[in-house]
Amino acid sequence: MTCNQIRGEVLLHINQTPYRLCLTLGALAEIESAFGLSELSDLSKRLQKISANDVLILLAALLKGGANPLSPSELMQAKTDPNEVAKAIAQAFAFSDPIP
């Protein structure tokens, strides 16, 4: 499986299967709603301290954005490397940043 980095896609292996993550507008809306934010500008502050449950929410939204929907409950049972998950989430957000 390949990823289109220009589109902001990131590859992550879950249960030894490659999945695409992508921060789309839909993923942002889902994250904003899940975190109870009224403005997108509040997201940066909210992400300064996150829980494992927050990581599951972020990962599920990014997977949906990459056309690989998995629910947080499915992800709870998945075999993943937590460090790789954190890197992939950070990379998906970094790819969306318009400032080089």
Protein backbone atom coordinates (compact mmCIF):
# COMPACT_ATOMS: atom_id res chain seq x y z
CA MET A 1 0.00 0.00 0.00
CA THR A 2 1.27 3.44 -0.86
CA CYS A 3 0.38 6.81 0.55
CA ASN A 4 -0.02 10.14 -1.17
CA GLN A 5 1.97 12.49 1.04
CA ILE A 6 0.84 15.47 -1.04
CA ARG A 7 -2.70 14.65 0.08
CA GLY A 8 -1.39 14.28 3.65
CA GLU A 9 -1.72 10.52 3.91
CA VAL A 10 0.29 8.58 6.48
CA LEU A 11 0.78 4.81 6.65
CA LEU A 12 0.29 2.91 9.92
CA HIS A 13 0.32 -0.84 10.53
CA ILE A 14 -2.54 -2.15 12.65
CA ASN A 15 -2.69 -5.90 13.27
CA GLN A 16 0.19 -6.18 10.77
CA THR A 17 -1.99 -4.65 8.03
CA PRO A 18 -1.16 -1.26 6.49
CA TYR A 19 -3.79 1.47 6.84
CA ARG A 20 -3.89 5.03 5.54
CA LEU A 21 -4.51 7.95 7.89
CA CYS A 22 -5.51 11.36 6.56
CA LEU A 23 -6.57 14.56 8.29
CA THR A 24 -9.58 15.59 6.22
CA LEU A 25 -12.15 18.26 6.96
CA GLY A 26 -14.51 15.45 7.97
CA ALA A 27 -11.90 14.04 10.35
CA LEU A 28 -11.41 17.48 11.89
CA ALA A 29 -15.17 17.88 12.36
CA GLU A 30 -15.38 14.45 13.98
CA ILE A 31 -12.49 15.25 16.34
CA GLU A 32 -13.96 18.65 17.19
CA SER A 33 -17.32 17.05 18.01
CA ALA A 34 -15.82 14.16 20.01
CA PHE A 35 -13.81 16.58 22.13
CA GLY A 36 -16.79 18.92 22.63
CA LEU A 37 -15.06 21.90 21.05
CA SER A 38 -17.03 24.88 19.80
CA GLU A 39 -14.19 26.20 17.64
CA LEU A 40 -11.45 24.55 15.64
CA SER A 41 -8.97 27.00 17.16
CA ASP A 42 -9.51 25.27 20.53
CA LEU A 43 -8.11 21.99 19.18
CA SER A 44 -4.45 22.91 19.60
CA LYS A 45 -4.90 23.66 23.30
CA ARG A 46 -7.01 20.51 23.79
CA LEU A 47 -4.29 18.33 22.24
CA GLN A 48 -1.62 19.52 24.68
CA LYS A 49 -2.78 16.91 27.22
CA ILE A 50 -4.41 13.81 25.79
CA SER A 51 -5.45 10.47 27.21
CA ALA A 52 -5.26 7.02 25.66
CA ASN A 53 -8.98 7.34 24.88
CA ASP A 54 -8.26 10.61 23.06
CA VAL A 55 -5.64 8.79 20.98
CA LEU A 56 -8.27 6.21 20.00
CA ILE A 57 -10.66 8.99 18.95
CA LEU A 58 -7.96 10.75 16.93
CA LEU A 59 -6.84 7.52 15.29
CA ALA A 60 -10.40 6.47 14.38
CA ALA A 61 -11.10 9.87 12.79
CA LEU A 62 -7.83 9.85 10.83
CA LEU A 63 -8.46 6.30 9.64
CA LYS A 64 -11.91 7.32 8.43
CA GLY A 65 -10.27 10.25 6.62
CA GLY A 66 -7.95 7.76 4.95
CA ALA A 67 -10.95 5.64 3.86
CA ASN A 68 -10.18 2.92 6.42
CA PRO A 69 -12.91 3.23 9.03
CA LEU A 70 -12.21 1.41 12.30
CA SER A 71 -14.08 2.30 15.47
CA PRO A 72 -12.36 3.19 18.74
CA SER A 73 -13.68 -0.09 20.18
CA GLU A 74 -12.09 -2.04 17.30
CA LEU A 75 -8.85 -0.14 17.84
CA MET A 76 -8.85 -1.05 21.55
CA GLN A 77 -8.42 -4.68 20.54
CA ALA A 78 -5.89 -4.01 17.78
CA LYS A 79 -2.20 -4.81 17.95
CA THR A 80 -0.30 -1.60 17.40
CA ASP A 81 2.89 0.03 18.57
CA PRO A 82 1.82 3.02 20.70
CA ASN A 83 4.92 4.97 19.64
CA GLU A 84 4.15 4.38 15.96
CA VAL A 85 0.53 5.42 16.53
CA ALA A 86 1.66 8.68 18.16
CA LYS A 87 4.14 9.37 15.34
CA ALA A 88 1.52 8.68 12.66
CA ILE A 89 -1.04 10.98 14.30
CA ALA A 90 1.56 13.74 14.67
CA GLN A 91 2.65 13.29 11.06
CA ALA A 92 -0.95 13.47 9.79
CA PHE A 93 -1.40 16.79 11.59
CA ALA A 94 2.01 18.04 10.40
CA PHE A 95 1.18 17.25 6.77
CA SER A 96 -1.92 19.42 7.06
CA ASP A 97 0.06 22.45 8.25
CA PRO A 98 0.40 24.87 5.32
CA ILE A 99 3.54 26.46 6.77
CA PRO A 100 6.74 24.63 5.64
